Amino acid sequence: MTAPVLVLRGVSRAFGPVTVLHDVDFALNPGEVHALIGENGAGKSTTMKILAGYLSPSAGEVLLDGQPTVFSDPREAEAAGVLMIHQEFNLARQLTVEQNVFLGRERRRGPFLDHRGMQAETGALLARLNCDVSPRARIRDLSVPQMQMVEIARALGQKARVLIMDEPSAVLTRQETEVLLEQIERLRAAGTAILYTSHKLDEVARIADRITVLRDGRVVRACPAPELDEDGMATAMVGRELSDLFPPKVPVAGPVALEVRDLHIPGLLDRISFTLGQGEILGFAGLVGAGRTELMEALVGLRNAGGEVLVGGQPLRPRTVRAARDAGLVYLTEDRKERGLLLDKSLRENLTLLSLDRFCRGLIDRKAEDAALTQAIGEFDIRTPSRAIRAGNLSGGNQQKLLLAKTMLAEPGIVIIDEPTRGIDIGTKQQIYAFIHRLAAAGKSVIVVSSEMAEVIGLSHRVLVMRSGRLMGELSGPAITEDAIVRLAMGLVPSATEDAA
C-alpha cells in the first residue's frame, strides 16, 4: 500500500477554554478520495484548516511524507503541494478571473506580466470545467456558481499533491457537479490525494474511497467507503437513526395570503403571477439563473419591479423592505454570510437587528435583547460555546438557525426562505424541515426556494418551476415528481405563459 502523503496524528485543537478537536487521526493517500463528513460544528473545518496551514494543532502532529511538519501559513502549505478550496470563497473580488487564478504565482515575459499566456491557460482550465466565463471578467460580476468554478480552476492550475475540498458542490447545479466529479476522478487517477467534504451523501457514496466521520470533534467511524451506505453515514454523523426526514404534508385550504400579479423586471423577470395560501408551503424550483432569487428580492422590495404584490388582499405600497416587513412579509436570503448576518457582531446584535424598534425605549433594552436571545437559543437549538461569540464563529448550520430566529422575531405571516439548507448537515436539515412544517401548521405561509430537488418535493404542497425569468408551470400533489420538475426547468414543455397565450 502506498504511504500517506499527509497525516494528522493525535491532533487536538482548542480555542481558549473550548476544545473542538479531540485526538484526531487522519491520513490522505495518493490517488485516493477520502471523504470527511459530520454535522455542522463536528470539527471538519478545523481539521481541514490544520491540514492546509491555516491553523496549528494544540496537541499532536502533522506529518508530510512521514516527516513532522509545521506549516507556518497557507502559502507554505501550497508550496509543499497542499491546496484548499474553501466553501467561503477565497477570491479577490475586484480582480479579474485570470488575476485570481494566478494570484501569487504570476508569470512574466521579461520585466512584464505575461497576461496573454495566463489568460490562455485560465481559459483552458475553465473549459475543462465547462465554465463559460471570460478570463478578463471581474470576480465581483460573477454568479456564486461561477465563483466556485474559478476556485476550482485555480486549484487545478496549481497541480496540487493534496487537494482539500470544502463543500465544493454546495452552490453548483447538478450538471456542474457532474463536471466537478469528473475532474476529481481525473485527479485521483493522476495520483492526487483528495479530501472531500460534502453534506450531499449521495456524492460521498459515489466518489469516496474512504470515509471518516467526525462527531463533536472526535472520530466516530473510519472505514472503506463500501462499508457505509447513505443511511449508515447519516446515522454515524448524528448518533441516531434518521427516519422520515420530511414531516408529513397536511392538506391546506386557507385563504389567499399573498398574490403576485404580472411582476416583471426587463431582462430578468417576465410577468410572473401566482398566489400563496395561508398555511401553505409553496416551492420554487429551476436551474441556477432561472430568476427565482430575483423574483423573491422583487417581492420584498430589494429590487425595483413592475406589477403588483398584495398581502392579505391589500396592495403592498410602497414596495420597500420596511413596508414588506410591516405587512408581515419577510425574506431569508440565500447568502447568509454576505447579506443575512453581520459576522463580526454578536449573536444578540444579529438576532434583534430586524426588529430593533421592539427593543428601543430611547435606548436599546439590553436585558430584553438578552431574554430574546435565551429564548431563540432554546427554540432554534442554536449550539454555541458562548453567547458572547461573534456570529462568524458559529458553524454554518447554527448561522442558518440564527438567521431563522432573527427573521421570526419580526413575527411575520409570510416567510420566504431562499436555499434553507445550503451547506448544512443532514441532522440540521431535519431540524429546519421540521421548523418549516411547524410554521405552516401554525398558519404561516411559506415560500421555499431550493436547488435541492428532494427538498422541494419533500416540503411543498405546490411547486412552481421557473426558467430564464419565466414561470414554466405549476405542479401539485402526486404530480410533484423529479421528472416533471426537470422537464419544466429544461423547457421541454410549454410554459404557463405560453399556455395562457
Protein backbone atom coordinates (compact mmCIF):
# COMPACT_ATOMS: atom_id res chain seq x y z
CA MET A 1 0.00 0.00 0.00
CA THR A 2 1.25 3.48 -0.88
CA ALA A 3 2.43 5.57 2.09
CA PRO A 4 0.20 8.52 3.04
CA VAL A 5 1.16 11.98 1.80
CA LEU A 6 -0.35 13.94 4.68
CA VAL A 7 -1.27 12.69 8.16
CA LEU A 8 -2.74 14.02 11.37
CA ARG A 9 -1.59 12.01 14.39
CA GLY A 10 -3.36 12.51 17.72
CA VAL A 11 -4.33 16.07 16.83
CA SER A 12 -6.39 18.22 19.19
CA ARG A 13 -7.30 21.87 18.84
CA ALA A 14 -8.63 24.31 21.44
CA PHE A 15 -9.90 27.87 21.10
CA GLY A 16 -9.43 29.33 24.56
CA PRO A 17 -11.15 27.02 27.05
CA VAL A 18 -13.17 25.24 24.33
CA THR A 19 -11.65 22.12 22.71
CA VAL A 20 -13.14 21.49 19.27
CA LEU A 21 -10.94 18.57 18.14
CA HIS A 22 -10.02 15.62 20.35
CA ASP A 23 -7.12 13.29 19.46
CA VAL A 24 -7.91 13.04 15.73
CA ASP A 25 -6.04 10.60 13.48
CA PHE A 26 -6.49 11.16 9.75
CA ALA A 27 -4.50 10.21 6.63
CA LEU A 28 -4.59 11.20 2.95
CA ASN A 29 -3.18 8.69 0.47
CA PRO A 30 -2.07 9.35 -3.14
CA GLY A 31 -4.73 8.52 -5.73
CA GLU A 32 -7.50 8.28 -3.14
CA VAL A 33 -10.59 10.34 -2.32
CA HIS A 34 -11.03 10.48 1.44
CA ALA A 35 -14.42 11.90 2.49
CA LEU A 36 -14.59 13.76 5.81
CA ILE A 37 -18.20 14.07 6.94
CA GLY A 38 -20.08 15.19 10.04
CA GLU A 39 -22.67 17.63 11.27
CA ASN A 40 -22.01 21.38 11.28
CA GLY A 41 -19.80 22.02 14.27
CA ALA A 42 -18.35 18.49 14.25
CA GLY A 43 -14.81 19.79 13.61
CA LYS A 44 -14.45 19.30 9.84
CA SER A 45 -13.41 22.88 9.06
CA THR A 46 -10.86 22.92 11.88
CA THR A 47 -9.38 19.62 10.64
CA MET A 48 -9.07 20.95 7.09
CA LYS A 49 -7.54 24.24 8.23
CA ILE A 50 -4.87 22.39 10.23
CA LEU A 51 -4.02 20.23 7.22
CA ALA A 52 -3.80 23.30 4.95
CA GLY A 53 -1.73 25.51 7.28
CA TYR A 54 -4.44 27.94 8.39
CA LEU A 55 -4.31 26.66 11.98
CA SER A 56 -1.77 24.80 14.07
CA PRO A 57 -2.72 21.93 16.37
CA SER A 58 -2.87 22.47 20.12
CA ALA A 59 -1.60 18.91 20.55
CA GLY A 60 -0.46 16.12 18.23
CA GLU A 61 1.42 16.49 14.95
CA VAL A 62 1.11 16.89 11.20
CA LEU A 63 3.24 14.59 9.02
CA LEU A 64 4.14 15.31 5.38
CA ASP A 65 5.68 12.33 3.59
CA GLY A 66 6.21 10.73 7.00
CA GLN A 67 8.09 13.70 8.47
CA PRO A 68 6.74 16.02 11.20
CA THR A 69 5.77 19.30 9.60
CA VAL A 70 4.65 22.70 10.81
CA PHE A 71 3.09 24.91 8.12
CA SER A 72 3.51 28.49 9.30
CA ASP A 73 0.80 29.68 6.90
CA PRO A 74 -1.26 28.50 3.88
CA ARG A 75 1.34 29.74 1.39
CA GLU A 76 3.91 27.42 2.91
CA ALA A 77 1.42 24.55 2.63
CA GLU A 78 0.73 25.45 -1.02
CA ALA A 79 4.46 25.48 -1.71
CA ALA A 80 4.51 21.91 -0.39
CA GLY A 81 1.66 20.97 -2.74
CA VAL A 82 -1.21 21.16 -0.22
CA LEU A 83 -4.08 23.30 -1.50
CA MET A 84 -7.53 24.02 -0.10
CA ILE A 85 -10.69 25.04 -1.98
CA HIS A 86 -12.81 26.98 0.51
CA GLN A 87 -16.56 26.84 0.92
CA GLU A 88 -16.45 30.58 1.57
CA PHE A 89 -14.68 31.95 -1.47
CA ASN A 90 -11.06 32.98 -1.10
CA LEU A 91 -11.13 35.29 -4.09
CA ALA A 92 -10.19 38.94 -4.62
CA ARG A 93 -13.48 40.32 -5.94
CA GLN A 94 -12.02 43.46 -7.51
CA LEU A 95 -9.55 41.45 -9.65
CA THR A 96 -10.19 39.51 -12.86
CA VAL A 97 -10.62 35.75 -13.15
CA GLU A 98 -7.13 35.43 -14.65
CA GLN A 99 -5.57 37.50 -11.86
CA ASN A 100 -7.21 35.32 -9.23
CA VAL A 101 -6.19 32.05 -10.86
CA PHE A 102 -2.54 33.17 -10.95
CA LEU A 103 -2.52 35.27 -7.76
CA GLY A 104 0.83 34.85 -6.03
CA ARG A 105 2.36 32.87 -8.91
CA GLU A 106 2.14 35.34 -11.78
CA ARG A 107 4.05 34.56 -14.98
CA ARG A 108 6.38 37.05 -16.60
CA ARG A 109 7.86 37.71 -20.02
CA GLY A 110 10.94 39.69 -19.22
CA PRO A 111 10.01 42.56 -16.90
CA PHE A 112 6.29 42.38 -17.80
CA LEU A 113 3.45 40.13 -16.72
CA ASP A 114 2.51 37.56 -19.37
CA HIS A 115 -1.21 38.35 -19.42
CA ARG A 116 -1.74 36.65 -22.79
CA GLY A 117 -0.27 33.37 -21.57
CA MET A 118 -2.09 33.49 -18.23
CA GLN A 119 -5.40 34.29 -19.93
CA ALA A 120 -4.93 31.40 -22.35
CA GLU A 121 -4.25 28.91 -19.53
CA THR A 122 -7.11 30.30 -17.44
CA GLY A 123 -9.43 29.83 -20.41
CA ALA A 124 -8.23 26.24 -20.86
CA LEU A 125 -8.80 25.46 -17.16
CA LEU A 126 -12.32 26.91 -17.28
CA ALA A 127 -13.03 24.96 -20.47
CA ARG A 128 -12.16 21.74 -18.60
CA LEU A 129 -14.93 22.68 -16.19
CA ASN A 130 -17.40 23.61 -18.96
CA CYS A 131 -17.48 27.09 -17.46
CA ASP A 132 -18.22 29.83 -19.99
CA VAL A 133 -16.58 32.75 -18.18
CA SER A 134 -14.10 35.20 -19.67
CA PRO A 135 -10.66 35.25 -18.01
CA ARG A 136 -10.97 39.05 -18.17
CA ALA A 137 -14.24 39.15 -16.17
CA ARG A 138 -14.17 40.68 -12.69
CA ILE A 139 -14.96 38.29 -9.86
CA ARG A 140 -17.50 40.77 -8.42
CA ASP A 141 -19.57 40.43 -11.61
CA LEU A 142 -19.83 36.62 -11.47
CA SER A 143 -22.59 34.45 -10.06
CA VAL A 144 -21.92 32.32 -6.98
CA PRO A 145 -21.59 29.06 -9.02
CA GLN A 146 -19.18 30.78 -11.41
CA MET A 147 -17.04 31.93 -8.47
CA GLN A 148 -16.87 28.35 -7.25
CA MET A 149 -15.69 27.20 -10.67
CA VAL A 150 -12.95 29.85 -10.59
CA GLU A 151 -11.82 28.49 -7.19
CA ILE A 152 -11.68 25.00 -8.67
CA ALA A 153 -9.85 26.21 -11.80
CA ARG A 154 -7.26 27.90 -9.60
CA ALA A 155 -6.67 24.63 -7.76
CA LEU A 156 -6.43 22.62 -10.98
CA GLY A 157 -3.84 25.06 -12.29
CA GLN A 158 -1.56 24.53 -9.31
CA LYS A 159 -1.26 20.75 -9.79
CA ALA A 160 -1.58 20.06 -6.08
CA ARG A 161 -0.29 16.84 -4.49
CA VAL A 162 -3.03 17.19 -1.86
CA LEU A 163 -6.34 18.88 -2.68
CA ILE A 164 -8.69 19.72 0.19
CA MET A 165 -12.23 20.48 -0.99
CA ASP A 166 -14.68 22.08 1.46
CA GLU A 167 -18.26 21.65 0.19
CA PRO A 168 -17.20 22.28 -3.44
CA SER A 169 -20.63 21.40 -4.90
CA ALA A 170 -22.79 23.29 -2.39
CA VAL A 171 -23.60 26.08 -4.87
CA LEU A 172 -23.37 24.07 -8.10
CA THR A 173 -26.16 22.74 -10.28
CA ARG A 174 -26.44 19.01 -10.90
CA GLN A 175 -24.77 19.42 -14.29
CA GLU A 176 -21.92 21.49 -12.84
CA THR A 177 -21.49 18.92 -10.06
CA GLU A 178 -21.14 16.16 -12.67
CA VAL A 179 -18.30 18.10 -14.30
CA LEU A 180 -16.66 18.59 -10.90
CA LEU A 181 -16.84 14.87 -10.06
CA GLU A 182 -15.32 14.01 -13.44
CA GLN A 183 -12.38 16.30 -12.66
CA ILE A 184 -11.95 14.66 -9.25
CA GLU A 185 -11.82 11.24 -10.91
CA ARG A 186 -9.13 12.57 -13.26
CA LEU A 187 -7.09 13.93 -10.36
CA ARG A 188 -7.42 10.68 -8.45
CA ALA A 189 -6.21 8.72 -11.47
CA ALA A 190 -3.21 11.09 -11.70
CA GLY A 191 -2.25 10.29 -8.09
CA THR A 192 -3.57 13.34 -6.27
CA ALA A 193 -4.65 12.82 -2.65
CA ILE A 194 -8.09 14.37 -2.20
CA LEU A 195 -10.01 15.29 0.94
CA TYR A 196 -13.67 15.80 0.07
CA THR A 197 -16.31 17.19 2.43
CA SER A 198 -19.95 17.40 1.47
CA HIS A 199 -23.35 17.22 3.11
CA LYS A 200 -24.63 15.59 -0.09
CA LEU A 201 -24.22 11.98 0.96
CA ASP A 202 -25.06 10.62 -2.49
CA GLU A 203 -21.94 12.39 -3.80
CA VAL A 204 -19.85 10.94 -0.98
CA ALA A 205 -21.13 7.43 -1.73
CA ARG A 206 -20.27 7.89 -5.39
CA ILE A 207 -16.83 9.47 -5.18
CA ALA A 208 -15.18 8.36 -1.92
CA ASP A 209 -12.68 5.54 -1.43
CA ARG A 210 -12.53 6.03 2.34
CA ILE A 211 -14.81 7.80 4.82
CA THR A 212 -14.04 9.36 8.19
CA VAL A 213 -16.96 10.56 10.33
CA LEU A 214 -16.50 13.28 12.95
CA ARG A 215 -18.96 13.95 15.75
CA ASP A 216 -18.34 16.57 18.43
CA GLY A 217 -14.68 16.83 17.43
CA ARG A 218 -13.97 13.10 17.65
CA VAL A 219 -13.54 10.40 15.01
CA VAL A 220 -16.51 8.05 15.47
CA ARG A 221 -16.03 5.96 12.32
CA ALA A 222 -13.23 5.47 9.79
CA CYS A 223 -13.61 2.80 7.13
CA PRO A 224 -13.54 1.97 3.41
CA ALA A 225 -16.45 3.69 1.65
CA PRO A 226 -18.32 0.47 0.68
CA GLU A 227 -18.91 -0.24 4.38
CA LEU A 228 -21.25 2.75 4.75
CA ASP A 229 -24.34 3.47 2.68
CA GLU A 230 -26.08 6.86 2.89
CA ASP A 231 -28.26 5.81 5.83
CA GLY A 232 -25.20 4.48 7.66
CA MET A 233 -23.35 7.75 7.09
CA ALA A 234 -26.27 9.80 8.39
CA THR A 235 -26.65 7.63 11.49
CA ALA A 236 -22.92 7.83 12.24
CA MET A 237 -22.96 11.63 11.83
CA VAL A 238 -25.87 12.39 14.15
CA GLY A 239 -25.65 9.42 16.52
CA ARG A 240 -29.26 8.39 15.97
CA GLU A 241 -31.47 6.87 13.31
CA LEU A 242 -32.81 9.36 10.78
CA SER A 243 -36.21 8.31 9.55
CA ASP A 244 -38.91 10.47 8.00
CA LEU A 245 -36.56 13.29 7.04
CA PHE A 246 -39.53 15.32 5.80
CA PRO A 247 -42.59 15.75 8.03
CA PRO A 248 -45.89 14.52 6.53
CA LYS A 249 -47.71 17.10 4.43
CA VAL A 250 -51.00 18.35 5.87
CA PRO A 251 -53.62 19.45 3.30
CA VAL A 252 -54.33 23.20 3.34
CA ALA A 253 -57.40 25.17 2.31
CA GLY A 254 -56.71 28.57 3.80
CA PRO A 255 -57.48 31.95 2.21
CA VAL A 256 -55.01 33.65 -0.14
CA ALA A 257 -52.26 35.29 1.92
CA LEU A 258 -50.12 36.59 -0.94
CA GLU A 259 -51.00 37.41 -4.53
CA VAL A 260 -48.47 38.43 -7.17
CA ARG A 261 -49.71 39.96 -10.41
CA ASP A 262 -47.54 40.43 -13.51
CA LEU A 263 -44.32 41.09 -11.61
CA HIS A 264 -41.66 41.99 -14.14
CA ILE A 265 -38.12 43.34 -14.46
CA PRO A 266 -36.84 43.95 -18.00
CA GLY A 267 -34.30 41.29 -18.90
CA LEU A 268 -34.82 39.35 -15.63
CA LEU A 269 -38.49 38.55 -14.95
CA ASP A 270 -41.28 38.09 -17.49
CA ARG A 271 -44.68 38.94 -15.91
CA ILE A 272 -44.88 36.40 -13.10
CA SER A 273 -48.24 35.80 -11.40
CA PHE A 274 -49.09 33.36 -8.58
CA THR A 275 -50.88 33.04 -5.25
CA LEU A 276 -49.86 31.64 -1.86
CA GLY A 277 -52.42 30.32 0.61
CA GLN A 278 -52.41 30.64 4.38
CA GLY A 279 -50.64 27.63 5.89
CA GLU A 280 -49.23 26.60 2.51
CA ILE A 281 -45.65 25.69 1.64
CA LEU A 282 -45.01 26.76 -1.94
CA GLY A 283 -41.80 25.53 -3.56
CA PHE A 284 -39.90 27.31 -6.34
CA ALA A 285 -37.67 25.11 -8.49
CA GLY A 286 -35.48 25.78 -11.50
CA LEU A 287 -31.89 25.80 -12.66
CA VAL A 288 -29.37 28.35 -11.40
CA GLY A 289 -30.09 31.60 -13.25
CA ALA A 290 -33.82 30.87 -13.63
CA GLY A 291 -34.71 34.10 -11.79
CA ARG A 292 -36.05 32.64 -8.54
CA THR A 293 -33.91 34.76 -6.22
CA GLU A 294 -34.52 37.87 -8.32
CA LEU A 295 -38.26 37.26 -8.03
CA MET A 296 -38.11 36.95 -4.25
CA GLU A 297 -35.96 40.07 -3.95
CA ALA A 298 -38.50 41.96 -6.06
CA LEU A 299 -41.35 40.75 -3.83
CA VAL A 300 -39.83 42.26 -0.70
CA GLY A 301 -38.55 45.50 -2.22
CA LEU A 302 -34.89 44.65 -2.73
CA ARG A 303 -35.33 45.16 -6.49
CA ASN A 304 -37.46 47.63 -8.44
CA ALA A 305 -40.11 45.79 -10.43
CA GLY A 306 -43.37 46.44 -12.20
CA GLY A 307 -46.59 44.64 -11.33
CA GLU A 308 -48.49 44.24 -8.09
CA VAL A 309 -47.91 42.45 -4.78
CA LEU A 310 -50.93 42.02 -2.50
CA VAL A 311 -50.62 40.86 1.12
CA GLY A 312 -53.91 39.78 2.64
CA GLY A 313 -55.69 41.39 -0.31
CA GLN A 314 -54.04 44.79 0.23
CA PRO A 315 -51.52 46.21 -2.26
CA LEU A 316 -48.01 46.49 -0.86
CA ARG A 317 -47.16 50.18 -1.21
CA PRO A 318 -44.52 51.45 -1.17
CA ARG A 319 -42.62 48.36 -2.34
CA THR A 320 -39.83 48.56 0.23
CA VAL A 321 -38.23 46.14 2.69
CA ARG A 322 -39.70 48.08 5.64
CA ALA A 323 -43.18 48.13 4.12
CA ALA A 324 -42.96 44.39 3.41
CA ARG A 325 -41.86 43.69 6.97
CA ASP A 326 -44.61 45.89 8.39
CA ALA A 327 -47.10 43.92 6.26
CA GLY A 328 -45.73 40.66 7.67
CA LEU A 329 -43.68 39.60 4.61
CA VAL A 330 -40.01 38.69 5.24
CA TYR A 331 -37.18 37.14 3.24
CA LEU A 332 -34.29 34.92 4.35
CA THR A 333 -31.51 35.45 1.81
CA GLU A 334 -29.60 32.54 0.28
CA ASP A 335 -26.33 34.33 1.15
CA ARG A 336 -26.38 34.27 4.95
CA LYS A 337 -22.71 35.30 5.30
CA GLU A 338 -22.65 38.27 2.93
CA ARG A 339 -26.21 39.59 3.27
CA GLY A 340 -28.00 37.76 6.06
CA LEU A 341 -25.79 38.23 9.12
CA LEU A 342 -23.23 40.69 10.46
CA LEU A 343 -20.45 38.18 11.03
CA ASP A 344 -18.31 40.45 13.21
CA LYS A 345 -21.23 41.24 15.56
CA SER A 346 -22.56 39.23 18.50
CA LEU A 347 -25.47 36.80 18.40
CA ARG A 348 -27.63 39.28 20.32
CA GLU A 349 -26.96 42.14 17.90
CA ASN A 350 -27.76 39.94 14.90
CA LEU A 351 -30.90 38.49 16.44
CA THR A 352 -32.65 41.79 17.13
CA LEU A 353 -31.47 43.79 14.11
CA LEU A 354 -34.62 43.28 12.02
CA SER A 355 -36.91 44.04 14.98
CA LEU A 356 -34.83 46.68 16.73
CA ASP A 357 -37.76 49.04 17.22
CA ARG A 358 -39.25 46.48 19.63
CA PHE A 359 -36.21 46.78 21.89
CA CYS A 360 -35.83 50.57 21.92
CA ARG A 361 -37.12 52.79 24.73
CA GLY A 362 -34.99 55.76 23.83
CA LEU A 363 -32.03 53.44 24.47
CA ILE A 364 -31.76 49.79 23.46
CA ASP A 365 -33.09 47.49 26.19
CA ARG A 366 -30.15 45.07 26.54
CA LYS A 367 -31.97 42.99 29.15
CA ALA A 368 -34.88 42.40 26.76
CA GLU A 369 -32.42 41.53 23.97
CA ASP A 370 -30.68 39.01 26.23
CA ALA A 371 -34.03 37.44 27.11
CA ALA A 372 -34.89 37.18 23.40
CA LEU A 373 -31.53 35.52 22.72
CA THR A 374 -32.09 33.00 25.51
CA GLN A 375 -35.45 32.09 24.00
CA ALA A 376 -34.03 31.86 20.46
CA ILE A 377 -31.14 29.61 21.53
CA GLY A 378 -33.63 27.21 23.09
CA GLU A 379 -36.33 27.38 20.42
CA PHE A 380 -33.99 27.06 17.44
CA ASP A 381 -31.36 24.82 19.11
CA ILE A 382 -28.54 27.27 18.34
CA ARG A 383 -25.43 25.46 19.55
CA THR A 384 -22.73 27.83 20.71
CA PRO A 385 -19.90 27.52 23.24
CA SER A 386 -20.61 31.08 24.41
CA ARG A 387 -23.36 33.68 23.99
CA ALA A 388 -20.62 36.29 23.56
CA ILE A 389 -19.00 34.89 20.39
CA ARG A 390 -19.36 36.60 17.03
CA ALA A 391 -21.86 35.21 14.54
CA GLY A 392 -18.98 34.48 12.15
CA ASN A 393 -17.60 31.91 14.59
CA LEU A 394 -20.74 29.77 14.50
CA SER A 395 -20.90 26.75 12.22
CA GLY A 396 -22.91 27.12 9.01
CA GLY A 397 -25.92 25.27 10.39
CA ASN A 398 -26.03 27.39 13.53
CA GLN A 399 -25.67 30.56 11.47
CA GLN A 400 -28.73 29.48 9.49
CA LYS A 401 -30.64 28.86 12.72
CA LEU A 402 -29.66 32.34 13.94
CA LEU A 403 -30.89 33.83 10.66
CA LEU A 404 -34.19 31.98 11.06
CA ALA A 405 -34.51 33.21 14.65
CA LYS A 406 -33.73 36.79 13.57
CA THR A 407 -36.39 36.65 10.87
CA MET A 408 -39.07 35.04 13.02
CA LEU A 409 -38.55 37.64 15.77
CA ALA A 410 -40.31 40.07 13.41
CA GLU A 411 -43.43 37.86 13.77
CA PRO A 412 -44.15 37.59 10.02
CA GLY A 413 -47.20 35.97 8.46
CA ILE A 414 -45.40 35.16 5.19
CA VAL A 415 -41.85 33.79 5.16
CA ILE A 416 -39.68 33.41 2.06
CA ILE A 417 -36.70 31.09 2.63
CA ASP A 418 -34.08 31.02 -0.15
CA GLU A 419 -31.92 27.85 -0.09
CA PRO A 420 -32.84 26.94 3.51
CA THR A 421 -30.24 24.17 3.95
CA ARG A 422 -27.35 25.05 1.63
CA GLY A 423 -24.10 23.78 3.15
CA ILE A 424 -25.91 22.26 6.14
CA ASP A 425 -25.58 18.76 7.53
CA ILE A 426 -28.39 16.22 7.40
CA GLY A 427 -29.22 16.38 11.11
CA THR A 428 -29.67 20.17 10.99
CA LYS A 429 -31.62 19.81 7.74
CA GLN A 430 -34.11 17.61 9.55
CA GLN A 431 -34.49 20.29 12.24
CA ILE A 432 -35.07 23.04 9.67
CA TYR A 433 -37.60 20.94 7.75
CA ALA A 434 -39.49 20.33 10.98
CA PHE A 435 -39.41 24.06 11.72
CA ILE A 436 -40.81 24.93 8.27
CA HIS A 437 -43.54 22.34 8.80
CA ARG A 438 -44.41 23.88 12.19
CA LEU A 439 -44.61 27.33 10.63
CA ALA A 440 -47.18 26.13 8.09
CA ALA A 441 -49.11 24.19 10.74
CA ALA A 442 -49.33 27.41 12.79
CA GLY A 443 -50.96 29.20 9.84
CA LYS A 444 -47.88 30.93 8.44
CA SER A 445 -47.43 30.95 4.67
CA VAL A 446 -44.03 29.78 3.42
CA ILE A 447 -42.17 30.04 0.11
CA VAL A 448 -39.16 27.73 -0.22
CA VAL A 449 -36.63 28.35 -2.98
CA SER A 450 -34.26 25.42 -3.32
CA SER A 451 -31.85 23.87 -5.79
CA GLU A 452 -32.21 20.51 -4.00
CA MET A 453 -34.89 18.52 -5.79
CA ALA A 454 -35.66 16.27 -2.81
CA GLU A 455 -36.15 19.35 -0.62
CA VAL A 456 -38.68 20.96 -2.96
CA ILE A 457 -40.56 17.69 -3.44
CA GLY A 458 -40.48 16.69 0.22
CA LEU A 459 -41.67 20.02 1.66
CA SER A 460 -44.03 21.63 -0.83
CA HIS A 461 -47.79 21.48 -1.24
CA ARG A 462 -47.33 23.04 -4.69
CA VAL A 463 -44.24 23.64 -6.83
CA LEU A 464 -43.77 26.45 -9.35
CA VAL A 465 -40.94 25.91 -11.85
CA MET A 466 -39.04 28.80 -13.44
CA ARG A 467 -36.73 29.05 -16.42
CA SER A 468 -34.98 32.18 -17.75
CA GLY A 469 -37.17 34.55 -15.75
CA ARG A 470 -40.43 32.90 -16.81
CA LEU A 471 -42.90 30.77 -14.92
CA MET A 472 -42.95 27.44 -16.77
CA GLY A 473 -45.65 25.59 -14.87
CA GLU A 474 -47.25 24.52 -11.61
CA LEU A 475 -47.25 21.06 -10.03
CA SER A 476 -49.26 19.81 -7.08
CA GLY A 477 -49.98 16.57 -5.22
CA PRO A 478 -48.78 13.38 -6.94
CA ALA A 479 -47.70 15.42 -9.99
CA ILE A 480 -44.73 16.81 -7.99
CA THR A 481 -42.04 14.48 -9.32
CA GLU A 482 -38.40 14.91 -10.21
CA ASP A 483 -39.08 14.11 -13.87
CA ALA A 484 -41.86 16.69 -14.13
CA ILE A 485 -39.74 19.40 -12.48
CA VAL A 486 -36.74 18.69 -14.71
CA ARG A 487 -38.85 18.77 -17.87
CA LEU A 488 -40.28 22.16 -16.95
CA ALA A 489 -36.90 23.55 -15.84
CA MET A 490 -35.30 22.47 -19.12
CA GLY A 491 -38.10 23.97 -21.21
CA LEU A 492 -39.25 20.61 -22.57
CA VAL A 493 -42.92 21.53 -22.14
CA PRO A 494 -44.74 24.78 -22.96
CA SER A 495 -44.57 27.41 -20.22
CA ALA A 496 -47.57 28.58 -18.26
CA THR A 497 -47.28 31.92 -20.10
CA GLU A 498 -47.35 30.20 -23.48
CA ASP A 499 -50.36 28.10 -22.45
CA ALA A 500 -52.22 31.24 -21.42
CA ALA A 501 -51.42 32.88 -24.73
